[in-house]
Amino acid sequence: PSHVILIDFTIPKTAFEEYNVEKEEVLTINLEIVAKILRRASRNDKLYLESDGSRLKLGLVSKGGVERYFLMPLLSQKYEEIPELSLELNTYAKMVGPVFATAISILSKAGETLRVTANSEGIRLASLSDLGEVEFEFSTTSGTLIDYQPPESEIVNNYSLEYIEILGSIAKLADMITLKLGPEMPIEINMELSSGAQLRAFVAPRVE
């Protein structure tokens, strides 16, 4: 409701073993219920989704062939259309997912605010608290950044670690992470996941 974070998760058709969709449909479901079901899944389970227009059938198929299916009604309320964000974020930094995930895991234990600083040398992620500051530096020179487009002038933005931490736990599964920045702008975090899946997230800056 606060519109602090926007997450867009895309799974391409090629990621599925079987894919049969005759026309585009919007299926609105209760995420809390789906999350409880997916917590029962193991790493090797396959996901099965099927809808008849009124219900969603969600299945977990284990490596040994054991099938578990859950039926849930589709929600009737109208889905809020989210417009495509068009932000001029000209500064970007690319790194491997586990590196970003490790940094965020440590920073989230140190404080509640993430300060992102980008300059000509590289990008710094720091966590601020009353006890002090924890900081990680990334650059192409040190090899911690795969690619980097610096800003024309230094950028210093603050974000809530409450939301970034959620993304950090997913980042350890990502092959590549791209951070995009602009002065006093939301941070865009792009993750390249297995089978061509992509997760894009926008987190609004924190105003002190």
C-alpha atoms as a PDB file:
ATOM      1  CA  PRO A   1       0.000   0.000   0.000  1.00  0.00           C
ATOM      2  CA  SER A   2       2.879   2.407   0.595  1.00  0.00           C
ATOM      3  CA  HIS A   3       4.116   1.885  -2.993  1.00  0.00           C
ATOM      4  CA  VAL A   4       7.732   1.754  -1.805  1.00  0.00           C
ATOM      5  CA  ILE A   5       8.681  -1.285  -3.879  1.00  0.00           C
ATOM      6  CA  LEU A   6       7.575  -2.651  -7.261  1.00  0.00           C
ATOM      7  CA  ILE A   7       8.525  -6.184  -8.339  1.00  0.00           C
ATOM      8  CA  ASP A   8       8.124  -7.520 -11.877  1.00  0.00           C
ATOM      9  CA  PHE A   9       8.959 -11.233 -12.264  1.00  0.00           C
ATOM     10  CA  THR A  10       8.958 -12.762 -15.750  1.00  0.00           C
ATOM     11  CA  ILE A  11       9.299 -16.435 -16.687  1.00  0.00           C
ATOM     12  CA  PRO A  12       9.703 -17.049 -20.443  1.00  0.00           C
ATOM     13  CA  LYS A  13       7.793 -19.754 -22.291  1.00  0.00           C
ATOM     14  CA  THR A  14      11.069 -21.588 -22.964  1.00  0.00           C
ATOM     15  CA  ALA A  15      11.578 -22.185 -19.226  1.00  0.00           C
ATOM     16  CA  PHE A  16       8.681 -24.664 -19.097  1.00  0.00           C
ATOM     17  CA  GLU A  17       8.765 -28.331 -20.083  1.00  0.00           C
ATOM     18  CA  GLU A  18       5.149 -27.989 -21.226  1.00  0.00           C
ATOM     19  CA  TYR A  19       3.345 -24.729 -21.993  1.00  0.00           C
ATOM     20  CA  ASN A  20      -0.207 -24.457 -23.330  1.00  0.00           C
ATOM     21  CA  VAL A  21      -1.808 -20.990 -23.337  1.00  0.00           C
ATOM     22  CA  GLU A  22      -4.397 -20.234 -26.003  1.00  0.00           C
ATOM     23  CA  LYS A  23      -4.852 -16.545 -25.165  1.00  0.00           C
ATOM     24  CA  GLU A  24      -3.602 -13.971 -22.704  1.00  0.00           C
ATOM     25  CA  GLU A  25      -5.352 -14.108 -19.335  1.00  0.00           C
ATOM     26  CA  VAL A  26      -4.926 -12.340 -16.013  1.00  0.00           C
ATOM     27  CA  LEU A  27      -5.200 -14.677 -13.025  1.00  0.00           C
ATOM     28  CA  THR A  28      -5.466 -12.845  -9.702  1.00  0.00           C
ATOM     29  CA  ILE A  29      -4.535 -15.010  -6.729  1.00  0.00           C
ATOM     30  CA  ASN A  30      -3.912 -14.669  -3.007  1.00  0.00           C
ATOM     31  CA  LEU A  31      -0.130 -14.431  -2.641  1.00  0.00           C
ATOM     32  CA  GLU A  32      -0.214 -15.330   1.055  1.00  0.00           C
ATOM     33  CA  ILE A  33      -1.819 -18.707   0.301  1.00  0.00           C
ATOM     34  CA  VAL A  34       0.517 -19.390  -2.637  1.00  0.00           C
ATOM     35  CA  ALA A  35       3.547 -18.547  -0.481  1.00  0.00           C
ATOM     36  CA  LYS A  36       2.465 -21.081   2.164  1.00  0.00           C
ATOM     37  CA  ILE A  37       2.146 -23.773  -0.523  1.00  0.00           C
ATOM     38  CA  LEU A  38       5.487 -22.989  -2.141  1.00  0.00           C
ATOM     39  CA  ARG A  39       7.240 -23.235   1.238  1.00  0.00           C
ATOM     40  CA  ARG A  40       6.479 -26.961   1.076  1.00  0.00           C
ATOM     41  CA  ALA A  41       8.407 -27.322  -2.175  1.00  0.00           C
ATOM     42  CA  SER A  42      11.903 -28.740  -2.318  1.00  0.00           C
ATOM     43  CA  ARG A  43      14.659 -27.592  -4.683  1.00  0.00           C
ATOM     44  CA  ASN A  44      14.020 -30.505  -7.076  1.00  0.00           C
ATOM     45  CA  ASP A  45      10.223 -30.196  -7.226  1.00  0.00           C
ATOM     46  CA  LYS A  46       8.579 -29.198 -10.489  1.00  0.00           C
ATOM     47  CA  LEU A  47       5.818 -26.600 -10.491  1.00  0.00           C
ATOM     48  CA  TYR A  48       2.481 -27.237 -12.204  1.00  0.00           C
ATOM     49  CA  LEU A  49      -0.064 -24.480 -12.895  1.00  0.00           C
ATOM     50  CA  GLU A  50      -3.485 -24.899 -14.486  1.00  0.00           C
ATOM     51  CA  SER A  51      -6.596 -22.715 -14.525  1.00  0.00           C
ATOM     52  CA  ASP A  52     -10.166 -23.270 -15.698  1.00  0.00           C
ATOM     53  CA  GLY A  53     -11.049 -19.582 -15.399  1.00  0.00           C
ATOM     54  CA  SER A  54     -12.473 -19.799 -11.876  1.00  0.00           C
ATOM     55  CA  ARG A  55      -9.810 -21.730  -9.962  1.00  0.00           C
ATOM     56  CA  LEU A  56      -6.058 -22.179 -10.002  1.00  0.00           C
ATOM     57  CA  LYS A  57      -4.615 -25.666  -9.661  1.00  0.00           C
ATOM     58  CA  LEU A  58      -1.102 -25.490  -8.266  1.00  0.00           C
ATOM     59  CA  GLY A  59       0.909 -28.679  -8.164  1.00  0.00           C
ATOM     60  CA  LEU A  60       4.273 -29.776  -6.801  1.00  0.00           C
ATOM     61  CA  VAL A  61       5.763 -32.826  -8.520  1.00  0.00           C
ATOM     62  CA  SER A  62       8.734 -34.408  -6.766  1.00  0.00           C
ATOM     63  CA  LYS A  63      11.710 -36.054  -8.432  1.00  0.00           C
ATOM     64  CA  GLY A  64      10.314 -39.443  -7.398  1.00  0.00           C
ATOM     65  CA  GLY A  65       7.016 -38.755  -9.124  1.00  0.00           C
ATOM     66  CA  VAL A  66       4.950 -37.897  -6.033  1.00  0.00           C
ATOM     67  CA  GLU A  67       2.305 -35.324  -7.011  1.00  0.00           C
ATOM     68  CA  ARG A  68       0.668 -32.857  -4.619  1.00  0.00           C
ATOM     69  CA  TYR A  69      -2.053 -30.539  -5.920  1.00  0.00           C
ATOM     70  CA  PHE A  70      -3.762 -27.552  -4.316  1.00  0.00           C
ATOM     71  CA  LEU A  71      -6.936 -25.841  -5.569  1.00  0.00           C
ATOM     72  CA  MET A  72      -7.670 -22.191  -4.819  1.00  0.00           C
ATOM     73  CA  PRO A  73     -10.320 -19.793  -6.126  1.00  0.00           C
ATOM     74  CA  LEU A  74      -9.273 -16.896  -8.319  1.00  0.00           C
ATOM     75  CA  LEU A  75      -9.910 -13.485  -6.782  1.00  0.00           C
ATOM     76  CA  SER A  76     -12.722 -11.537  -8.377  1.00  0.00           C
ATOM     77  CA  GLN A  77     -11.533  -8.006  -7.618  1.00  0.00           C
ATOM     78  CA  LYS A  78     -10.114  -6.016 -10.483  1.00  0.00           C
ATOM     79  CA  TYR A  79      -6.348  -6.111 -10.825  1.00  0.00           C
ATOM     80  CA  GLU A  80      -4.627  -2.748 -10.490  1.00  0.00           C
ATOM     81  CA  GLU A  81      -2.895  -2.056 -13.775  1.00  0.00           C
ATOM     82  CA  ILE A  82       0.662  -0.902 -13.145  1.00  0.00           C
ATOM     83  CA  PRO A  83       2.067   1.433 -15.803  1.00  0.00           C
ATOM     84  CA  GLU A  84       5.503   0.747 -17.247  1.00  0.00           C
ATOM     85  CA  LEU A  85       8.036   2.799 -15.318  1.00  0.00           C
ATOM     86  CA  SER A  86      10.110   5.084 -17.484  1.00  0.00           C
ATOM     87  CA  LEU A  87      13.009   6.343 -15.412  1.00  0.00           C
ATOM     88  CA  GLU A  88      16.235   7.853 -16.676  1.00  0.00           C
ATOM     89  CA  LEU A  89      18.733   5.825 -14.684  1.00  0.00           C
ATOM     90  CA  ASN A  90      21.964   6.336 -16.611  1.00  0.00           C
ATOM     91  CA  THR A  91      24.348   4.948 -13.985  1.00  0.00           C
ATOM     92  CA  TYR A  92      24.591   1.180 -13.700  1.00  0.00           C
ATOM     93  CA  ALA A  93      26.778  -1.452 -12.052  1.00  0.00           C
ATOM     94  CA  LYS A  94      26.884  -5.173 -12.889  1.00  0.00           C
ATOM     95  CA  MET A  95      28.056  -7.870 -10.482  1.00  0.00           C
ATOM     96  CA  VAL A  96      27.474 -11.575  -9.872  1.00  0.00           C
ATOM     97  CA  GLY A  97      24.443 -12.381  -7.729  1.00  0.00           C
ATOM     98  CA  PRO A  98      26.107 -14.090  -4.733  1.00  0.00           C
ATOM     99  CA  VAL A  99      28.428 -11.104  -4.205  1.00  0.00           C
ATOM    100  CA  PHE A 100      25.466  -8.728  -3.924  1.00  0.00           C
ATOM    101  CA  ALA A 101      23.552 -11.213  -1.752  1.00  0.00           C
ATOM    102  CA  THR A 102      26.439 -11.556   0.724  1.00  0.00           C
ATOM    103  CA  ALA A 103      26.867  -7.785   1.013  1.00  0.00           C
ATOM    104  CA  ILE A 104      23.163  -7.186   1.643  1.00  0.00           C
ATOM    105  CA  SER A 105      23.009 -10.008   4.205  1.00  0.00           C
ATOM    106  CA  ILE A 106      25.788  -8.389   6.242  1.00  0.00           C
ATOM    107  CA  LEU A 107      24.536  -4.823   5.779  1.00  0.00           C
ATOM    108  CA  SER A 108      20.995  -5.696   6.888  1.00  0.00           C
ATOM    109  CA  LYS A 109      22.345  -6.907  10.232  1.00  0.00           C
ATOM    110  CA  ALA A 110      24.142  -3.602  10.814  1.00  0.00           C
ATOM    111  CA  GLY A 111      21.330  -1.110  10.306  1.00  0.00           C
ATOM    112  CA  GLU A 112      18.011  -0.166   8.710  1.00  0.00           C
ATOM    113  CA  THR A 113      19.206   2.217   5.998  1.00  0.00           C
ATOM    114  CA  LEU A 114      21.220   1.396   2.885  1.00  0.00           C
ATOM    115  CA  ARG A 115      23.307   4.258   1.514  1.00  0.00           C
ATOM    116  CA  VAL A 116      24.339   3.807  -2.115  1.00  0.00           C
ATOM    117  CA  THR A 117      27.177   6.002  -3.356  1.00  0.00           C
ATOM    118  CA  ALA A 118      28.244   6.023  -7.006  1.00  0.00           C
ATOM    119  CA  ASN A 119      31.174   8.052  -8.323  1.00  0.00           C
ATOM    120  CA  SER A 120      33.886   7.859 -10.977  1.00  0.00           C
ATOM    121  CA  GLU A 121      35.758   5.086  -9.129  1.00  0.00           C
ATOM    122  CA  GLY A 122      32.912   2.673  -8.420  1.00  0.00           C
ATOM    123  CA  ILE A 123      29.930   2.048  -6.197  1.00  0.00           C
ATOM    124  CA  ARG A 124      29.720   1.766  -2.407  1.00  0.00           C
ATOM    125  CA  LEU A 125      26.991   0.114  -0.349  1.00  0.00           C
ATOM    126  CA  ALA A 126      26.881   1.139   3.311  1.00  0.00           C
ATOM    127  CA  SER A 127      24.573   0.435   6.236  1.00  0.00           C
ATOM    128  CA  LEU A 128      24.062   3.173   8.786  1.00  0.00           C
ATOM    129  CA  SER A 129      23.150   2.741  12.441  1.00  0.00           C
ATOM    130  CA  ASP A 130      23.737   4.388  15.808  1.00  0.00           C
ATOM    131  CA  LEU A 131      26.624   1.965  16.418  1.00  0.00           C
ATOM    132  CA  GLY A 132      28.567   2.919  13.293  1.00  0.00           C
ATOM    133  CA  GLU A 133      28.824   2.045   9.628  1.00  0.00           C
ATOM    134  CA  VAL A 134      29.530  -1.052   7.542  1.00  0.00           C
ATOM    135  CA  GLU A 135      30.622  -0.474   3.945  1.00  0.00           C
ATOM    136  CA  PHE A 136      31.370  -2.518   0.823  1.00  0.00           C
ATOM    137  CA  GLU A 137      33.200  -1.075  -2.191  1.00  0.00           C
ATOM    138  CA  PHE A 138      32.809  -2.421  -5.730  1.00  0.00           C
ATOM    139  CA  SER A 139      34.765  -1.461  -8.842  1.00  0.00           C
ATOM    140  CA  THR A 140      35.951  -2.865 -12.151  1.00  0.00           C
ATOM    141  CA  THR A 141      39.534  -2.314 -10.981  1.00  0.00           C
ATOM    142  CA  SER A 142      39.123  -4.705  -8.042  1.00  0.00           C
ATOM    143  CA  GLY A 143      37.191  -7.169 -10.187  1.00  0.00           C
ATOM    144  CA  THR A 144      34.040  -6.974  -8.056  1.00  0.00           C
ATOM    145  CA  LEU A 145      32.145  -5.245 -10.875  1.00  0.00           C
ATOM    146  CA  ILE A 146      31.789  -6.854 -14.292  1.00  0.00           C
ATOM    147  CA  ASP A 147      30.688  -3.596 -15.914  1.00  0.00           C
ATOM    148  CA  TYR A 148      30.171  -0.050 -14.673  1.00  0.00           C
ATOM    149  CA  GLN A 149      28.777   3.170 -16.089  1.00  0.00           C
ATOM    150  CA  PRO A 150      29.729   5.994 -13.686  1.00  0.00           C
ATOM    151  CA  PRO A 151      27.599   9.107 -13.131  1.00  0.00           C
ATOM    152  CA  GLU A 152      28.592  12.567 -14.339  1.00  0.00           C
ATOM    153  CA  SER A 153      28.676  13.675 -10.711  1.00  0.00           C
ATOM    154  CA  GLU A 154      28.561  11.700  -7.471  1.00  0.00           C
ATOM    155  CA  ILE A 155      25.219  10.121  -6.494  1.00  0.00           C
ATOM    156  CA  VAL A 156      24.333   9.457  -2.843  1.00  0.00           C
ATOM    157  CA  ASN A 157      20.921   7.877  -2.208  1.00  0.00           C
ATOM    158  CA  ASN A 158      19.385   6.186   0.844  1.00  0.00           C
ATOM    159  CA  TYR A 159      16.982   3.237   0.745  1.00  0.00           C
ATOM    160  CA  SER A 160      15.180   1.122   3.335  1.00  0.00           C
ATOM    161  CA  LEU A 161      17.060  -2.130   3.936  1.00  0.00           C
ATOM    162  CA  GLU A 162      13.759  -3.768   4.881  1.00  0.00           C
ATOM    163  CA  TYR A 163      12.926  -3.998   1.171  1.00  0.00           C
ATOM    164  CA  ILE A 164      16.435  -4.473  -0.227  1.00  0.00           C
ATOM    165  CA  GLU A 165      16.960  -7.421   2.139  1.00  0.00           C
ATOM    166  CA  ILE A 166      14.043  -9.276   0.493  1.00  0.00           C
ATOM    167  CA  LEU A 167      15.801  -8.954  -2.855  1.00  0.00           C
ATOM    168  CA  GLY A 168      19.153  -9.925  -1.378  1.00  0.00           C
ATOM    169  CA  SER A 169      17.864 -13.386  -0.434  1.00  0.00           C
ATOM    170  CA  ILE A 170      16.840 -13.944  -4.081  1.00  0.00           C
ATOM    171  CA  ALA A 171      20.069 -12.495  -5.486  1.00  0.00           C
ATOM    172  CA  LYS A 172      22.133 -15.496  -4.354  1.00  0.00           C
ATOM    173  CA  LEU A 173      20.315 -17.496  -7.070  1.00  0.00           C
ATOM    174  CA  ALA A 174      21.021 -14.899  -9.773  1.00  0.00           C
ATOM    175  CA  ASP A 175      23.763 -15.230 -12.364  1.00  0.00           C
ATOM    176  CA  MET A 176      23.981 -11.466 -12.760  1.00  0.00           C
ATOM    177  CA  ILE A 177      22.760  -8.395 -10.876  1.00  0.00           C
ATOM    178  CA  THR A 178      22.463  -4.952 -12.428  1.00  0.00           C
ATOM    179  CA  LEU A 179      21.933  -1.912 -10.217  1.00  0.00           C
ATOM    180  CA  LYS A 180      20.675   1.262 -11.923  1.00  0.00           C
ATOM    181  CA  LEU A 181      20.771   4.660 -10.240  1.00  0.00           C
ATOM    182  CA  GLY A 182      19.897   8.315 -10.671  1.00  0.00           C
ATOM    183  CA  PRO A 183      20.136  11.315  -8.298  1.00  0.00           C
ATOM    184  CA  GLU A 184      17.330  11.095  -5.707  1.00  0.00           C
ATOM    185  CA  MET A 185      15.670   8.380  -7.822  1.00  0.00           C
ATOM    186  CA  PRO A 186      14.444   4.848  -7.115  1.00  0.00           C
ATOM    187  CA  ILE A 187      17.063   2.140  -7.424  1.00  0.00           C
ATOM    188  CA  GLU A 188      16.368  -0.467 -10.103  1.00  0.00           C
ATOM    189  CA  ILE A 189      17.657  -3.976  -9.368  1.00  0.00           C
ATOM    190  CA  ASN A 190      17.642  -6.443 -12.270  1.00  0.00           C
ATOM    191  CA  MET A 191      18.342 -10.122 -11.680  1.00  0.00           C
ATOM    192  CA  GLU A 192      19.084 -12.699 -14.370  1.00  0.00           C
ATOM    193  CA  LEU A 193      17.884 -16.048 -13.032  1.00  0.00           C
ATOM    194  CA  SER A 194      18.002 -19.607 -14.352  1.00  0.00           C
ATOM    195  CA  SER A 195      16.072 -20.690 -17.459  1.00  0.00           C
ATOM    196  CA  GLY A 196      15.919 -17.094 -18.673  1.00  0.00           C
ATOM    197  CA  ALA A 197      13.694 -15.828 -15.846  1.00  0.00           C
ATOM    198  CA  GLN A 198      14.165 -12.183 -14.883  1.00  0.00           C
ATOM    199  CA  LEU A 199      13.246 -10.180 -11.825  1.00  0.00           C
ATOM    200  CA  ARG A 200      13.099  -6.376 -11.944  1.00  0.00           C
ATOM    201  CA  ALA A 201      12.554  -4.432  -8.758  1.00  0.00           C
ATOM    202  CA  PHE A 202      12.267  -0.714  -8.055  1.00  0.00           C
ATOM    203  CA  VAL A 203      12.710   0.630  -4.523  1.00  0.00           C
ATOM    204  CA  ALA A 204      11.844   4.251  -3.766  1.00  0.00           C
ATOM    205  CA  PRO A 205      14.500   6.382  -2.050  1.00  0.00           C
ATOM    206  CA  ARG A 206      14.210   6.985   1.662  1.00  0.00           C
ATOM    207  CA  VAL A 207      13.588  10.560   2.717  1.00  0.00           C
ATOM    208  CA  GLU A 208      15.154  11.374   6.051  1.00  0.00           C
END
